[in-house]
């Protein structure tokens, strides 16, 4: 469907029968995180049923030639999600990333691959810049903190009896493509957002938000032309007429 920056979306119904079977086999190996089954259905079933429903385009997500997730683009169904018109947006349904690629720590294989520090499947390679590595504040590193009441609630929901014993972790990231240092897209400022220290007084989620400013070249406005007064314009015209009337310094 589309390929850029080391990530490819493969539209399932465009594959031949053998390739489709192989893709479904990979999709079947995607593992859900504890409690994730509440929000998503069976990935293989959704992918198989999708092409038979008008407007649905199921796809797999491949990063570094490794299957990492699936999803479905549903054309003409935006009103199902509260959009005022079906032709105003495309609905993303059944989006799933395998648990091995979720909530990963900075030193994980997934993040090492994105940072260009390790090869993906079959030697694939990419490079992104982690905003935190450029302008992150070490004191604001954790994006999931034990003190966050929503994080505790999520942990209890997946069977963790004492979430207060969990370590604080940095498992959320903002990446910019390529070697961005000193170039457009280079991170210049970063902070956590929607924490309990914000003006709202409580976190918005079990994960804190991240806000990043990126550098872009300044757009220089052209200098405005100086407007001439009517007297200046008349004087200028008289000088031009005088120059035309002079030949070799002699007035004719």
Foldseek 3Di string as FASTA:
>chain_A
DDDDQQKDKAFLVVDDPVVNVVVLVLLQPFADDQPCCVPAPRRSVCSVCQVVDPQKTKIFMAGLNHTFWIKIWGQQCVVVVVDPGRNPDIDIPRTDGGPLLALDACPDPNNCQQCQNDHGPPRHGGHKDWLCVPANDPVQQFQAQLPAPQLVVVCVSRPDPCSNPDHGGRRDTDIGGDPCVPHFFRWDYKHWAQPCPDPVNHRPHSTTHMDTDTDDDDDDDDDDDDDDDPVVVVVVVVVVVQVVQADPNHGD
